[in-house]
Amino acid sequence: MKKKDILVLSIGVFLTVIAWLVADIYHASTEQKVQTKIEVPTLDNYTISKDLLNVIRSKQE
């Protein structure tokens, strides 16, 4: 290859990379952000029975 061919190929690759970066930055700036709040469930009137604890202890042994 001649020097002129390498120069044209290099400029083409450079412009492709620049166009790709610009397109990626544009896409990132126009992308909608997901904004959701996760609510942690609460346990109301939580009780544990003695029978349940005894069953768990017996299974551990």
Protein backbone atom coordinates (compact mmCIF):
# COMPACT_ATOMS: atom_id res chain seq x y z
CA MET A 1 0.00 0.00 0.00
CA LYS A 2 1.11 3.49 -0.66
CA LYS A 3 1.32 6.18 1.97
CA LYS A 4 -1.68 7.95 0.46
CA ASP A 5 -3.83 4.80 0.76
CA ILE A 6 -2.83 4.36 4.40
CA LEU A 7 -3.64 8.02 5.10
CA VAL A 8 -7.12 7.71 3.55
CA LEU A 9 -7.78 4.49 5.47
CA SER A 10 -6.60 6.07 8.74
CA ILE A 11 -8.81 9.12 8.25
CA GLY A 12 -11.79 6.88 7.49
CA VAL A 13 -11.26 4.84 10.66
CA PHE A 14 -10.77 8.00 12.73
CA LEU A 15 -13.99 9.57 11.43
CA THR A 16 -15.89 6.34 12.05
CA VAL A 17 -14.72 6.23 15.67
CA ILE A 18 -15.63 9.90 16.20
CA ALA A 19 -19.10 9.36 14.68
CA TRP A 20 -19.60 6.31 16.89
CA LEU A 21 -18.65 8.26 20.03
CA VAL A 22 -20.95 11.15 19.14
CA ALA A 23 -23.85 8.76 18.48
CA ASP A 24 -23.23 6.96 21.79
CA ILE A 25 -23.10 10.23 23.75
CA TYR A 26 -26.30 11.43 22.06
CA HIS A 27 -28.05 8.15 22.85
CA ALA A 28 -26.95 8.29 26.50
CA SER A 29 -28.16 11.88 26.89
CA THR A 30 -31.60 11.23 25.36
CA GLU A 31 -32.24 7.90 27.08
CA GLN A 32 -35.04 7.95 29.62
CA LYS A 33 -33.95 7.17 33.13
CA VAL A 34 -35.95 4.67 35.17
CA GLN A 35 -37.03 6.20 38.43
CA THR A 36 -38.86 3.77 40.66
CA LYS A 37 -38.93 3.59 44.40
CA ILE A 38 -38.82 0.18 46.00
CA GLU A 39 -41.02 -0.04 49.05
CA VAL A 40 -39.89 -2.49 51.69
CA PRO A 41 -42.82 -4.50 53.03
CA THR A 42 -43.49 -4.16 56.72
CA LEU A 43 -44.63 -6.93 59.01
CA ASP A 44 -47.53 -5.83 61.14
CA ASN A 45 -48.44 -7.81 64.25
CA TYR A 46 -45.57 -10.23 63.85
CA THR A 47 -45.70 -13.07 66.36
CA ILE A 48 -43.97 -16.43 66.57
CA SER A 49 -45.36 -19.37 68.41
CA LYS A 50 -43.45 -21.53 70.87
CA ASP A 51 -44.54 -24.64 68.95
CA LEU A 52 -42.84 -23.38 65.81
CA LEU A 53 -39.61 -22.74 67.69
CA ASN A 54 -39.72 -26.25 69.15
CA VAL A 55 -40.19 -27.79 65.70
CA ILE A 56 -37.22 -25.82 64.34
CA ARG A 57 -35.03 -26.87 67.29
CA SER A 58 -35.96 -30.52 66.86
CA LYS A 59 -35.05 -30.42 63.14
CA GLN A 60 -31.66 -28.90 63.90
CA GLU A 61 -30.71 -31.71 66.25
